[in-house]
């Protein structure tokens, strides 16, 4: 009978450990996903800023052709 309890306890312990491992893996995956989104956003913002800066300025915005 003691062996049955010990076996039951080890199964419970194994299930508990497996549950904790799954929770840790999910947390790490979520953190990696957030980090990836952050990097993608920063790269996108940098590329969008470069494309805006390299575009020619329209003459009306540059002050040419304005009648004062």
Protein backbone atom coordinates (compact mmCIF):
# COMPACT_ATOMS: atom_id res chain seq x y z
CA UNK A 1 0.00 0.00 0.00
CA UNK A 2 2.84 2.40 0.71
CA UNK A 3 4.25 1.69 -2.74
CA UNK A 4 0.90 2.59 -4.31
CA UNK A 5 0.90 5.90 -2.49
CA UNK A 6 4.47 6.58 -3.49
CA UNK A 7 3.68 5.76 -7.10
CA UNK A 8 0.59 7.99 -6.99
CA UNK A 9 2.59 10.76 -5.46
CA UNK A 10 5.32 10.50 -8.08
CA UNK A 11 2.69 10.63 -10.84
CA UNK A 12 1.18 13.69 -9.25
CA UNK A 13 4.64 15.19 -8.89
CA UNK A 14 5.45 14.43 -12.53
CA UNK A 15 2.19 16.03 -13.64
CA UNK A 16 2.93 19.07 -11.50
CA UNK A 17 6.45 19.40 -12.92
CA UNK A 18 5.12 18.97 -16.46
CA UNK A 19 2.54 21.68 -15.81
CA UNK A 20 5.17 24.08 -14.52
CA UNK A 21 7.41 23.34 -17.52
CA UNK A 22 4.53 24.02 -19.91
CA UNK A 23 3.78 27.32 -18.17
CA UNK A 24 7.44 28.35 -18.41
CA UNK A 25 7.61 27.43 -22.09
CA UNK A 26 4.46 29.46 -22.79
CA UNK A 27 5.83 32.44 -20.89
CA UNK A 28 9.13 32.31 -22.79
CA UNK A 29 7.27 31.98 -26.12
CA UNK A 30 5.09 34.98 -25.27
CA UNK A 31 8.14 37.04 -24.31
CA UNK A 32 9.92 36.10 -27.55
CA UNK A 33 6.83 37.05 -29.56
CA UNK A 34 6.70 40.46 -27.87
CA UNK A 35 10.41 40.99 -28.45
CA UNK A 36 9.99 40.08 -32.11
CA UNK A 37 7.08 42.50 -32.51
CA UNK A 38 9.14 45.24 -30.89
CA UNK A 39 12.04 44.67 -33.28
CA UNK A 40 9.72 44.54 -36.30
CA UNK A 41 8.05 47.78 -35.23
CA UNK A 42 11.37 49.55 -34.70
CA UNK A 43 12.71 48.41 -38.08
CA UNK A 44 9.46 49.42 -39.78
CA UNK A 45 9.56 52.84 -38.12
CA UNK A 46 13.20 53.31 -39.13
CA UNK A 47 12.49 52.33 -42.75
CA UNK A 48 9.38 54.52 -42.87
CA UNK A 49 11.40 57.45 -41.53
CA UNK A 50 14.13 56.92 -44.12
CA UNK A 51 11.65 56.79 -46.99
CA UNK A 52 10.02 60.01 -45.78
CA UNK A 53 13.33 61.82 -45.40
CA UNK A 54 14.63 60.77 -48.81
CA UNK A 55 11.48 61.94 -50.65
CA UNK A 56 11.80 65.27 -52.45
CA UNK A 57 10.04 68.17 -50.79
CA UNK A 58 7.22 69.63 -52.90
CA UNK A 59 7.95 73.16 -54.08
CA UNK A 60 4.90 74.60 -52.30
CA UNK A 61 6.20 73.27 -48.99
CA UNK A 62 9.74 74.45 -49.67
CA UNK A 63 8.58 78.07 -49.98
CA UNK A 64 8.87 78.32 -53.76
CA UNK A 65 5.95 79.70 -55.68
CA UNK A 66 4.26 81.24 -52.67
CA UNK A 67 2.78 84.67 -53.27
CA UNK A 68 3.04 86.93 -50.26
